[in-house]
Amino acid sequence: MKSDVLFMIFCVLTSLVLSNVREVEAVNFGCNLTTSFPGKCGNNGNTACVNDVKKNPHAPKNLNIRCDCADKYVWPGTPPQRWCRCMYVC
């Protein structure tokens, strides 16, 4: 009898918790931007790409931007370059 009562209380509490769950809207990163910048990626290449893209006068400044950094192949004797592939909300 005691286990039946505990099971019913558990069911009621579970239904209360599940009924109060809020929906969270996912962010859709729909626009892409790929550009190159001088230097190598290093340990903080993604952050450096975000900062460099935000410095660009044509780039969006107030949006959430995600970037991936990749070292670009350059010919010997030329300065290093890096590719920044960024996504942001349109």
N, C-alpha and C. Protein backbone atom coordinates (compact mmCIF):
# COMPACT_ATOMS: atom_id res chain seq x y z
N MET A 1 0.82 -1.19 0.00
CA MET A 1 0.00 0.00 0.00
C MET A 1 0.87 1.26 0.00
N LYS A 2 1.93 1.24 0.83
CA LYS A 2 2.82 2.39 0.92
C LYS A 2 3.52 2.64 -0.42
N SER A 3 3.92 1.58 -1.09
CA SER A 3 4.60 1.74 -2.38
C SER A 3 3.64 2.28 -3.43
N ASP A 4 2.36 1.93 -3.37
CA ASP A 4 1.38 2.45 -4.32
C ASP A 4 1.20 3.95 -4.14
N VAL A 5 1.15 4.41 -2.91
CA VAL A 5 1.01 5.85 -2.64
C VAL A 5 2.25 6.60 -3.12
N LEU A 6 3.42 6.06 -2.84
CA LEU A 6 4.66 6.70 -3.30
C LEU A 6 4.73 6.76 -4.83
N PHE A 7 4.27 5.71 -5.48
CA PHE A 7 4.25 5.71 -6.94
C PHE A 7 3.29 6.77 -7.47
N MET A 8 2.13 6.94 -6.86
CA MET A 8 1.17 7.96 -7.32
C MET A 8 1.73 9.36 -7.09
N ILE A 9 2.40 9.59 -5.97
CA ILE A 9 3.01 10.90 -5.71
C ILE A 9 4.10 11.16 -6.74
N PHE A 10 4.89 10.15 -7.04
CA PHE A 10 5.93 10.29 -8.05
C PHE A 10 5.32 10.66 -9.41
N CYS A 11 4.23 10.02 -9.78
CA CYS A 11 3.57 10.31 -11.06
C CYS A 11 3.04 11.74 -11.10
N VAL A 12 2.45 12.20 -10.01
CA VAL A 12 1.92 13.56 -9.95
C VAL A 12 3.06 14.57 -10.05
N LEU A 13 4.12 14.36 -9.31
CA LEU A 13 5.25 15.29 -9.38
C LEU A 13 5.90 15.30 -10.76
N THR A 14 6.03 14.14 -11.37
CA THR A 14 6.59 14.06 -12.71
C THR A 14 5.74 14.81 -13.72
N SER A 15 4.44 14.67 -13.62
CA SER A 15 3.55 15.37 -14.55
C SER A 15 3.62 16.88 -14.33
N LEU A 16 3.78 17.33 -13.09
CA LEU A 16 3.92 18.77 -12.83
C LEU A 16 5.22 19.32 -13.41
N VAL A 17 6.29 18.57 -13.25
CA VAL A 17 7.58 19.02 -13.80
C VAL A 17 7.53 19.04 -15.32
N LEU A 18 6.98 18.04 -15.94
CA LEU A 18 6.94 17.98 -17.40
C LEU A 18 5.99 19.02 -18.00
N SER A 19 4.98 19.42 -17.27
CA SER A 19 4.04 20.41 -17.81
C SER A 19 4.62 21.82 -17.74
N ASN A 20 5.65 22.05 -16.92
CA ASN A 20 6.22 23.38 -16.79
C ASN A 20 7.51 23.58 -17.59
N VAL A 21 7.80 22.69 -18.50
CA VAL A 21 9.00 22.82 -19.33
C VAL A 21 8.76 23.89 -20.38
N ARG A 22 9.73 24.79 -20.51
CA ARG A 22 9.63 25.86 -21.50
C ARG A 22 10.30 25.43 -22.78
N GLU A 23 9.74 25.90 -23.89
CA GLU A 23 10.36 25.61 -25.17
C GLU A 23 11.46 26.61 -25.44
N VAL A 24 12.57 26.10 -25.94
CA VAL A 24 13.71 26.94 -26.27
C VAL A 24 13.87 26.89 -27.78
N GLU A 25 13.95 28.06 -28.40
CA GLU A 25 14.11 28.11 -29.85
C GLU A 25 15.59 28.05 -30.19
N ALA A 26 15.94 27.15 -31.07
CA ALA A 26 17.33 27.00 -31.48
C ALA A 26 17.74 28.15 -32.40
N VAL A 27 19.01 28.53 -32.30
CA VAL A 27 19.54 29.59 -33.16
C VAL A 27 19.91 28.97 -34.49
N ASN A 28 19.44 29.57 -35.57
CA ASN A 28 19.72 29.07 -36.90
C ASN A 28 20.80 29.94 -37.53
N PHE A 29 22.01 29.38 -37.63
CA PHE A 29 23.10 30.09 -38.27
C PHE A 29 22.96 29.88 -39.77
N GLY A 30 22.28 30.80 -40.46
CA GLY A 30 21.95 30.60 -41.85
C GLY A 30 22.88 31.25 -42.84
N CYS A 31 23.64 32.26 -42.44
CA CYS A 31 24.50 32.96 -43.39
C CYS A 31 25.96 32.58 -43.14
N ASN A 32 26.70 32.46 -44.22
CA ASN A 32 28.11 32.06 -44.15
C ASN A 32 28.99 33.17 -44.70
N LEU A 33 30.19 33.24 -44.17
CA LEU A 33 31.20 34.19 -44.62
C LEU A 33 32.55 33.50 -44.55
N THR A 34 33.25 33.43 -45.67
CA THR A 34 34.58 32.83 -45.70
C THR A 34 35.55 33.86 -46.25
N THR A 35 36.60 34.13 -45.50
CA THR A 35 37.59 35.11 -45.92
C THR A 35 38.94 34.73 -45.34
N SER A 36 39.99 35.33 -45.84
CA SER A 36 41.33 35.03 -45.32
C SER A 36 41.88 36.27 -44.62
N PHE A 37 42.72 35.99 -43.62
CA PHE A 37 43.37 37.04 -42.85
C PHE A 37 44.84 36.67 -42.70
N PRO A 38 45.71 37.65 -42.45
CA PRO A 38 47.12 37.34 -42.25
C PRO A 38 47.36 36.65 -40.92
N GLY A 39 48.40 35.84 -40.85
CA GLY A 39 48.78 35.17 -39.62
C GLY A 39 48.36 33.71 -39.61
N LYS A 40 48.75 33.02 -38.53
CA LYS A 40 48.38 31.61 -38.36
C LYS A 40 47.27 31.51 -37.33
N CYS A 41 46.61 30.36 -37.31
CA CYS A 41 45.50 30.16 -36.38
C CYS A 41 45.98 30.09 -34.94
N GLY A 42 46.96 29.26 -34.65
CA GLY A 42 47.44 29.13 -33.28
C GLY A 42 46.38 28.52 -32.37
N ASN A 43 46.52 28.77 -31.07
CA ASN A 43 45.61 28.20 -30.08
C ASN A 43 44.26 28.90 -30.04
N ASN A 44 44.22 30.18 -30.36
CA ASN A 44 42.98 30.95 -30.29
C ASN A 44 42.54 31.43 -31.67
N GLY A 45 42.68 30.57 -32.67
CA GLY A 45 42.36 30.97 -34.04
C GLY A 45 40.90 31.29 -34.24
N ASN A 46 40.00 30.53 -33.62
CA ASN A 46 38.56 30.80 -33.79
C ASN A 46 38.20 32.15 -33.21
N THR A 47 38.74 32.48 -32.05
CA THR A 47 38.48 33.79 -31.43
C THR A 47 39.09 34.91 -32.26
N ALA A 48 40.29 34.68 -32.79
CA ALA A 48 40.93 35.69 -33.63
C ALA A 48 40.10 35.94 -34.89
N CYS A 49 39.53 34.88 -35.45
CA CYS A 49 38.68 35.05 -36.64
C CYS A 49 37.44 35.87 -36.31
N VAL A 50 36.81 35.59 -35.19
CA VAL A 50 35.62 36.35 -34.79
C VAL A 50 35.97 37.82 -34.63
N ASN A 51 37.09 38.10 -33.96
CA ASN A 51 37.51 39.50 -33.76
C ASN A 51 37.84 40.17 -35.08
N ASP A 52 38.53 39.47 -35.99
CA ASP A 52 38.87 40.06 -37.28
C ASP A 52 37.64 40.31 -38.14
N VAL A 53 36.67 39.40 -38.09
CA VAL A 53 35.45 39.58 -38.87
C VAL A 53 34.66 40.76 -38.33
N LYS A 54 34.61 40.92 -37.03
CA LYS A 54 33.87 42.05 -36.44
C LYS A 54 34.54 43.39 -36.75
N LYS A 55 35.86 43.39 -37.01
CA LYS A 55 36.57 44.62 -37.39
C LYS A 55 36.26 45.03 -38.82
N ASN A 56 35.80 44.07 -39.64
CA ASN A 56 35.48 44.35 -41.04
C ASN A 56 34.26 45.28 -41.09
N PRO A 57 34.34 46.40 -41.82
CA PRO A 57 33.21 47.34 -41.84
C PRO A 57 31.95 46.79 -42.50
N HIS A 58 32.07 45.75 -43.33
CA HIS A 58 30.90 45.20 -44.01
C HIS A 58 30.28 44.03 -43.27
N ALA A 59 30.91 43.59 -42.21
CA ALA A 59 30.41 42.43 -41.47
C ALA A 59 29.42 42.87 -40.40
N PRO A 60 28.49 41.99 -40.04
CA PRO A 60 27.54 42.32 -38.97
C PRO A 60 28.25 42.41 -37.63
N LYS A 61 27.94 43.41 -36.84
CA LYS A 61 28.63 43.63 -35.58
C LYS A 61 27.84 43.13 -34.37
N ASN A 62 26.54 43.15 -34.47
CA ASN A 62 25.72 42.87 -33.29
C ASN A 62 25.19 41.44 -33.28
N LEU A 63 25.65 40.59 -34.17
CA LEU A 63 25.12 39.24 -34.25
C LEU A 63 26.08 38.24 -33.62
N ASN A 64 25.54 37.11 -33.25
CA ASN A 64 26.34 36.01 -32.71
C ASN A 64 27.06 35.34 -33.88
N ILE A 65 28.38 35.36 -33.85
CA ILE A 65 29.19 34.82 -34.94
C ILE A 65 29.99 33.64 -34.43
N ARG A 66 30.01 32.55 -35.21
CA ARG A 66 30.86 31.39 -34.93
C ARG A 66 31.83 31.23 -36.07
N CYS A 67 33.09 31.01 -35.75
CA CYS A 67 34.10 30.88 -36.80
C CYS A 67 34.96 29.63 -36.57
N ASP A 68 35.43 29.08 -37.68
CA ASP A 68 36.42 28.01 -37.68
C ASP A 68 37.63 28.53 -38.42
N CYS A 69 38.79 28.27 -37.86
CA CYS A 69 40.03 28.76 -38.44
C CYS A 69 40.82 27.60 -39.02
N ALA A 70 41.41 27.81 -40.19
CA ALA A 70 42.26 26.81 -40.83
C ALA A 70 43.44 27.53 -41.48
N ASP A 71 44.63 27.00 -41.26
CA ASP A 71 45.81 27.60 -41.88
C ASP A 71 45.75 27.39 -43.39
N LYS A 72 46.01 28.45 -44.12
CA LYS A 72 45.96 28.43 -45.57
C LYS A 72 47.35 28.08 -46.11
N TYR A 73 47.38 27.28 -47.16
CA TYR A 73 48.67 26.97 -47.79
C TYR A 73 49.17 28.21 -48.52
N VAL A 74 50.42 28.56 -48.24
CA VAL A 74 51.06 29.68 -48.94
C VAL A 74 52.39 29.19 -49.51
N TRP A 75 52.83 29.84 -50.55
CA TRP A 75 54.12 29.50 -51.15
C TRP A 75 55.24 29.91 -50.22
N PRO A 76 56.34 29.16 -50.24
CA PRO A 76 57.47 29.53 -49.38
C PRO A 76 57.95 30.95 -49.66
N GLY A 77 58.23 31.67 -48.59
CA GLY A 77 58.69 33.05 -48.71
C GLY A 77 57.57 34.07 -48.62
N THR A 78 56.33 33.63 -48.59
CA THR A 78 55.21 34.57 -48.44
C THR A 78 54.69 34.51 -47.00
N PRO A 79 54.09 35.59 -46.51
CA PRO A 79 53.62 35.59 -45.13
C PRO A 79 52.47 34.60 -44.91
N PRO A 80 52.36 34.04 -43.70
CA PRO A 80 51.30 33.06 -43.44
C PRO A 80 49.91 33.67 -43.52
N GLN A 81 48.95 32.86 -43.94
CA GLN A 81 47.56 33.27 -44.06
C GLN A 81 46.68 32.23 -43.37
N ARG A 82 45.48 32.61 -43.01
CA ARG A 82 44.52 31.67 -42.43
C ARG A 82 43.14 31.92 -43.01
N TRP A 83 42.40 30.83 -43.20
CA TRP A 83 41.02 30.90 -43.67
C TRP A 83 40.11 31.00 -42.46
N CYS A 84 39.16 31.89 -42.53
CA CYS A 84 38.15 32.00 -41.48
C CYS A 84 36.80 31.70 -42.12
N ARG A 85 36.18 30.60 -41.69
CA ARG A 85 34.84 30.23 -42.15
C ARG A 85 33.88 30.55 -41.02
N CYS A 86 33.06 31.56 -41.23
CA CYS A 86 32.19 32.04 -40.15
C CYS A 86 30.72 31.86 -40.53
N MET A 87 29.91 31.61 -39.51
CA MET A 87 28.46 31.50 -39.68
C MET A 87 27.81 32.49 -38.71
N TYR A 88 26.74 33.14 -39.18
CA TYR A 88 26.02 34.07 -38.32
C TYR A 88 24.54 34.04 -38.67
N VAL A 89 23.74 34.58 -37.77
CA VAL A 89 22.29 34.60 -37.98
C VAL A 89 21.97 35.71 -38.95
N CYS A 90 21.19 35.39 -39.97
CA CYS A 90 20.81 36.38 -41.00
C CYS A 90 19.84 37.41 -40.43
